N, C-alpha and C. Protein backbone atom coordinates (compact mmCIF):
# COMPACT_ATOMS: atom_id res chain seq x y z
N MET A 1 78.64 112.44 85.56
CA MET A 1 79.03 111.54 84.23
C MET A 1 80.58 112.02 84.02
N LEU A 2 81.55 110.96 83.95
CA LEU A 2 82.82 111.70 83.71
C LEU A 2 82.77 111.36 82.26
N THR A 3 83.61 112.32 81.79
CA THR A 3 83.91 112.34 80.25
C THR A 3 85.45 112.75 80.11
N VAL A 4 85.59 112.70 78.88
CA VAL A 4 86.65 112.94 78.42
C VAL A 4 87.33 114.22 79.16
N GLU A 5 86.35 115.13 78.61
CA GLU A 5 86.66 116.61 78.96
C GLU A 5 86.50 116.78 80.33
N SER A 6 85.99 115.83 81.35
CA SER A 6 85.86 116.44 82.75
C SER A 6 87.27 116.03 83.36
N LEU A 7 87.35 114.96 82.70
CA LEU A 7 88.61 114.35 83.20
C LEU A 7 89.93 115.32 82.60
N ARG A 8 90.06 115.98 81.58
CA ARG A 8 91.03 116.97 81.16
C ARG A 8 90.65 118.06 82.33
N GLU A 9 89.72 118.38 82.49
CA GLU A 9 89.38 119.81 83.74
C GLU A 9 89.81 119.26 84.94
N PHE A 10 89.92 118.10 85.12
CA PHE A 10 90.50 117.80 86.41
C PHE A 10 91.91 117.79 86.49
N GLY A 11 92.49 117.59 85.15
CA GLY A 11 94.11 117.57 85.20
C GLY A 11 94.79 116.42 84.71
N ALA A 12 93.90 115.48 84.38
CA ALA A 12 94.49 114.22 83.87
C ALA A 12 94.78 114.32 82.51
N ASN A 13 95.55 113.60 82.16
CA ASN A 13 96.68 113.90 80.83
C ASN A 13 95.80 112.90 79.87
N THR A 14 94.55 113.66 79.37
CA THR A 14 93.71 112.19 78.67
C THR A 14 94.57 111.89 77.35
N LYS A 15 95.35 112.43 76.98
CA LYS A 15 95.94 112.22 75.58
C LYS A 15 96.96 111.22 75.56
N ASP A 16 97.05 111.30 76.77
CA ASP A 16 98.13 109.81 77.05
C ASP A 16 97.47 108.65 77.64
N GLY A 17 96.74 109.10 78.55
CA GLY A 17 95.69 108.30 78.84
C GLY A 17 95.04 107.46 77.55
N LEU A 18 94.30 108.17 76.48
CA LEU A 18 93.48 107.61 75.68
C LEU A 18 94.61 106.81 74.53
N SER A 19 95.88 107.22 74.82
CA SER A 19 96.29 106.63 73.92
C SER A 19 96.96 105.04 74.18
N ARG A 20 96.94 104.77 75.48
CA ARG A 20 96.99 103.52 76.12
C ARG A 20 95.90 102.87 75.86
N CYS A 21 94.84 103.45 75.56
CA CYS A 21 93.45 102.61 75.22
C CYS A 21 93.27 102.94 73.56
N MET A 22 94.08 102.96 73.05
CA MET A 22 93.91 102.90 71.54
C MET A 22 92.83 103.68 71.08
N ASN A 23 92.86 104.88 71.96
CA ASN A 23 91.95 106.11 71.75
C ASN A 23 90.47 105.67 71.61
N ASN A 24 90.34 104.59 72.33
CA ASN A 24 88.70 104.17 72.41
C ASN A 24 88.25 104.58 73.77
N GLU A 25 87.47 106.14 73.65
CA GLU A 25 87.00 106.67 74.82
C GLU A 25 86.14 106.06 75.62
N GLY A 26 85.69 105.12 75.14
CA GLY A 26 84.12 103.89 76.10
C GLY A 26 85.16 103.61 77.09
N PHE A 27 86.21 103.04 76.27
CA PHE A 27 87.28 101.81 77.09
C PHE A 27 87.89 102.51 78.20
N TYR A 28 88.42 103.49 77.75
CA TYR A 28 89.50 104.41 78.82
C TYR A 28 88.36 104.97 79.78
N LEU A 29 87.33 105.76 79.71
CA LEU A 29 86.17 105.76 80.65
C LEU A 29 85.66 104.65 81.83
N ARG A 30 85.61 103.78 81.07
CA ARG A 30 85.44 102.37 81.59
C ARG A 30 86.38 101.98 82.68
N LEU A 31 87.47 102.25 82.45
CA LEU A 31 88.79 101.43 83.19
C LEU A 31 89.01 103.06 84.09
N VAL A 32 88.91 103.90 83.91
CA VAL A 32 88.98 104.82 84.79
C VAL A 32 87.42 104.90 85.82
N ASN A 33 86.67 104.29 85.90
CA ASN A 33 85.31 103.99 86.65
C ASN A 33 85.88 103.33 87.61
N MET A 34 86.63 101.83 86.98
CA MET A 34 86.76 100.92 87.40
C MET A 34 88.16 101.38 88.56
N ALA A 35 88.60 102.44 88.07
CA ALA A 35 90.12 102.32 88.84
C ALA A 35 89.40 103.01 90.51
N LEU A 36 88.22 104.19 89.92
CA LEU A 36 87.90 104.87 91.43
C LEU A 36 87.17 103.60 92.38
N ASP A 37 87.10 102.85 92.00
CA ASP A 37 86.56 101.71 92.78
C ASP A 37 87.26 100.65 93.24
N ASP A 38 88.67 100.77 92.70
CA ASP A 38 89.72 100.16 93.46
C ASP A 38 90.03 99.76 94.61
N PRO A 39 90.04 98.60 95.09
CA PRO A 39 89.83 98.20 96.84
C PRO A 39 91.22 98.70 97.24
N ASN A 40 92.07 98.98 96.42
CA ASN A 40 93.38 98.94 97.40
C ASN A 40 93.40 100.31 97.84
N PHE A 41 92.49 101.61 97.21
CA PHE A 41 92.19 102.46 98.27
C PHE A 41 91.86 102.54 99.61
N ASP A 42 91.31 101.76 99.86
CA ASP A 42 90.86 101.01 101.18
C ASP A 42 91.81 100.44 101.84
N THR A 43 92.52 99.47 101.11
CA THR A 43 93.95 99.01 101.79
C THR A 43 94.98 99.89 102.14
N LEU A 44 94.70 100.63 101.39
CA LEU A 44 95.79 101.75 101.60
C LEU A 44 95.87 102.52 103.28
N ALA A 45 94.17 103.15 103.25
CA ALA A 45 93.75 103.83 104.04
C ALA A 45 93.60 102.66 105.59
N SER A 46 93.61 101.62 105.41
CA SER A 46 93.36 100.57 106.67
C SER A 46 95.04 100.61 106.95
N ALA A 47 96.14 100.14 105.81
CA ALA A 47 97.18 100.24 106.58
C ALA A 47 98.13 101.18 107.02
N VAL A 48 97.84 102.59 106.64
CA VAL A 48 98.35 103.72 107.13
C VAL A 48 97.66 103.82 108.63
N GLU A 49 96.57 103.72 108.96
CA GLU A 49 95.61 103.46 109.89
C GLU A 49 96.65 102.91 110.87
N ASN A 50 96.83 101.66 110.55
CA ASN A 50 97.63 100.45 111.37
C ASN A 50 98.94 100.72 111.22
N ASP A 51 99.23 101.80 110.83
CA ASP A 51 100.96 101.67 110.59
C ASP A 51 101.82 100.56 109.86
N ASP A 52 101.06 99.81 109.21
CA ASP A 52 101.82 98.89 108.63
C ASP A 52 102.12 99.22 106.89
N LYS A 53 103.54 99.71 107.44
CA LYS A 53 104.18 99.99 105.77
C LYS A 53 104.24 99.05 104.65
N ASN A 54 104.26 97.86 105.50
CA ASN A 54 104.85 96.99 104.30
C ASN A 54 103.10 96.82 103.23
N ALA A 55 101.98 96.87 104.07
CA ALA A 55 100.45 96.59 103.30
C ALA A 55 100.49 97.83 102.37
N ALA A 56 100.95 98.63 103.43
CA ALA A 56 100.59 100.37 102.56
C ALA A 56 101.31 100.37 101.12
N PHE A 57 103.09 100.18 101.09
CA PHE A 57 103.41 100.03 99.86
C PHE A 57 102.96 99.10 99.12
N GLU A 58 102.23 98.22 99.03
CA GLU A 58 101.86 97.14 98.34
C GLU A 58 100.34 97.77 97.59
N ALA A 59 99.83 98.31 98.14
CA ALA A 59 98.33 99.27 98.14
C ALA A 59 99.06 100.22 97.04
N ALA A 60 99.84 101.08 97.66
CA ALA A 60 100.15 102.14 96.54
C ALA A 60 100.93 101.71 95.68
N HIS A 61 101.71 100.75 95.51
CA HIS A 61 102.22 100.46 94.00
C HIS A 61 101.61 99.94 93.37
N ALA A 62 100.22 99.54 93.49
CA ALA A 62 99.43 99.03 93.17
C ALA A 62 98.34 100.16 92.25
N LEU A 63 97.80 101.26 93.09
CA LEU A 63 97.46 101.96 92.32
C LEU A 63 98.24 103.09 91.62
N LYS A 64 99.53 103.09 91.93
CA LYS A 64 100.32 104.23 91.33
C LYS A 64 100.30 102.84 89.61
N GLY A 65 100.78 102.30 89.63
CA GLY A 65 100.62 101.15 88.32
C GLY A 65 99.00 101.99 87.41
N THR A 66 98.06 101.87 88.32
CA THR A 66 97.00 102.05 87.67
C THR A 66 96.93 103.11 87.16
N LEU A 67 97.20 104.19 88.01
CA LEU A 67 96.50 105.21 87.79
C LEU A 67 97.74 106.01 86.59
N ALA A 68 98.69 105.62 87.08
CA ALA A 68 99.58 106.15 85.80
C ALA A 68 99.49 105.58 84.58
N ASN A 69 99.07 104.24 84.09
CA ASN A 69 98.41 104.10 83.25
C ASN A 69 97.22 104.68 82.72
N LEU A 70 96.54 105.27 83.47
CA LEU A 70 95.33 106.18 82.75
C LEU A 70 95.77 107.66 83.05
N SER A 71 96.81 108.13 83.25
CA SER A 71 96.97 109.18 83.44
C SER A 71 96.41 110.46 84.22
N LEU A 72 95.94 109.81 85.11
CA LEU A 72 95.21 110.35 86.32
C LEU A 72 96.13 111.11 87.19
N THR A 73 96.80 112.50 86.61
CA THR A 73 97.65 112.75 86.98
C THR A 73 97.55 113.36 88.54
N PRO A 74 96.35 113.88 89.11
CA PRO A 74 96.31 114.60 90.52
C PRO A 74 96.31 113.56 91.37
N LEU A 75 96.04 112.17 90.91
CA LEU A 75 95.68 111.22 91.97
C LEU A 75 97.10 110.38 91.92
N CYS A 76 97.72 110.35 90.63
CA CYS A 76 98.75 109.56 90.64
C CYS A 76 99.82 110.31 91.02
N GLU A 77 100.24 111.50 91.30
CA GLU A 77 101.34 112.48 91.62
C GLU A 77 101.46 112.02 93.21
N PRO A 78 100.92 112.30 94.59
CA PRO A 78 100.66 111.75 95.58
C PRO A 78 100.93 110.33 96.01
N VAL A 79 100.02 109.70 94.82
CA VAL A 79 100.28 108.10 95.35
C VAL A 79 101.64 107.70 95.15
N SER A 80 102.39 108.23 93.68
CA SER A 80 103.67 107.76 93.53
C SER A 80 104.93 108.53 94.55
N GLU A 81 104.51 109.53 95.13
CA GLU A 81 105.50 110.21 95.89
C GLU A 81 105.74 109.32 97.54
N MET A 82 103.77 108.86 97.70
CA MET A 82 104.07 107.90 98.85
C MET A 82 105.06 106.53 98.74
N THR A 83 104.13 106.05 97.45
CA THR A 83 105.15 104.85 97.16
C THR A 83 106.88 104.64 97.30
N GLU A 84 107.08 106.23 96.74
CA GLU A 84 108.38 105.88 96.51
C GLU A 84 109.00 106.02 98.08
N LEU A 85 108.39 106.98 98.96
CA LEU A 85 108.76 106.84 100.62
C LEU A 85 108.82 106.06 101.10
N LEU A 86 107.61 104.81 100.99
CA LEU A 86 107.32 103.39 101.63
C LEU A 86 108.56 102.57 101.26
N ARG A 87 108.82 102.70 99.61
CA ARG A 87 109.66 101.90 99.32
C ARG A 87 111.07 101.94 99.88
N ALA A 88 111.43 103.36 100.35
CA ALA A 88 112.62 103.64 100.92
C ALA A 88 112.42 103.71 102.42
N GLY A 89 111.34 103.21 102.97
CA GLY A 89 111.65 103.05 104.30
C GLY A 89 111.64 104.26 105.18
N ARG A 90 111.01 105.12 104.59
CA ARG A 90 111.40 106.34 105.11
C ARG A 90 109.88 106.85 106.03
N ASP A 91 110.09 107.53 107.11
CA ASP A 91 109.18 108.22 108.02
C ASP A 91 108.58 109.29 107.19
N ALA A 92 107.06 109.31 107.22
CA ALA A 92 106.89 110.55 106.74
C ALA A 92 105.45 110.55 107.01
N ASP A 93 104.67 111.51 107.18
CA ASP A 93 103.44 111.93 107.39
C ASP A 93 102.53 111.11 106.55
N TYR A 94 102.76 109.71 106.24
CA TYR A 94 101.34 109.21 105.88
C TYR A 94 100.18 109.15 105.64
N ALA A 95 99.88 109.84 106.57
CA ALA A 95 98.28 110.34 106.74
C ALA A 95 97.92 111.44 106.06
N ALA A 96 98.68 112.40 106.03
CA ALA A 96 98.71 113.42 104.94
C ALA A 96 98.44 113.11 103.60
N TYR A 97 99.27 112.22 103.36
CA TYR A 97 99.26 111.72 101.91
C TYR A 97 97.97 111.45 101.70
N LEU A 98 97.84 109.91 102.34
CA LEU A 98 96.49 109.45 102.68
C LEU A 98 95.46 110.78 102.29
N SER A 99 94.86 111.51 103.25
CA SER A 99 94.07 112.96 102.90
C SER A 99 94.10 113.30 101.41
N GLN A 100 95.45 113.46 100.82
CA GLN A 100 95.33 114.00 99.67
C GLN A 100 94.77 113.10 98.73
N ILE A 101 94.87 111.69 98.70
CA ILE A 101 94.54 111.20 97.84
C ILE A 101 93.20 111.03 98.01
N LEU A 102 92.65 110.74 99.02
CA LEU A 102 91.27 110.17 98.78
C LEU A 102 90.58 111.48 98.68
N GLY A 103 91.36 112.50 99.06
CA GLY A 103 90.45 114.45 98.41
C GLY A 103 90.43 114.09 97.15
N LYS A 104 91.24 113.83 96.47
CA LYS A 104 91.30 113.77 95.01
C LYS A 104 90.50 112.84 94.43
N ARG A 105 90.25 111.51 95.00
CA ARG A 105 89.55 110.51 94.81
C ARG A 105 87.90 110.90 94.68
N LYS A 106 88.04 111.53 96.13
CA LYS A 106 86.25 112.04 96.01
C LYS A 106 86.47 112.75 95.32
N ALA A 107 86.72 113.99 94.77
CA ALA A 107 86.56 114.94 94.11
C ALA A 107 86.39 114.14 92.78
N LEU A 108 86.93 113.25 91.93
CA LEU A 108 86.56 112.41 90.94
C LEU A 108 85.55 111.69 90.75
N THR A 109 85.40 110.98 92.13
CA THR A 109 84.05 110.61 91.95
C THR A 109 82.74 111.22 92.08
N GLU A 110 83.23 112.33 92.51
CA GLU A 110 81.65 113.36 92.52
C GLU A 110 81.48 113.69 91.04
N LEU A 111 82.85 113.81 90.55
CA LEU A 111 82.54 114.30 89.08
C LEU A 111 81.54 113.02 88.08
N ARG A 112 81.93 112.06 88.36
CA ARG A 112 81.43 110.28 88.12
C ARG A 112 79.96 110.71 88.13
N ASN A 113 79.69 111.09 89.47
CA ASN A 113 78.20 110.98 89.82
C ASN A 113 77.42 112.60 89.67
N SER A 114 77.84 113.08 88.89
CA SER A 114 76.93 114.40 88.61
C SER A 114 76.68 114.11 87.35
């Protein structure tokens, strides 16, 4: 089960995330749970697999906004880096970014399910 403390230990800036949710812990935790189930993770994975940089950018950009607003720093940082590389149209090892992102998502999902 996710708690503010477990999110803090994960590396989230819960103080900032909570402030964006009017310090309502229940609301914040509900939004974090929703973010973990965001279909843009699957869209991003598919786009990277298919080398569709436009679709990857759209999915990464959407995730970046959600994750940044919730201050889920360990997830937000690689998504933000990937977003900016895609925005610039640069060639990069997007599969490595995706692996890092999905690994952090899995770790956070495991916290939720424990």
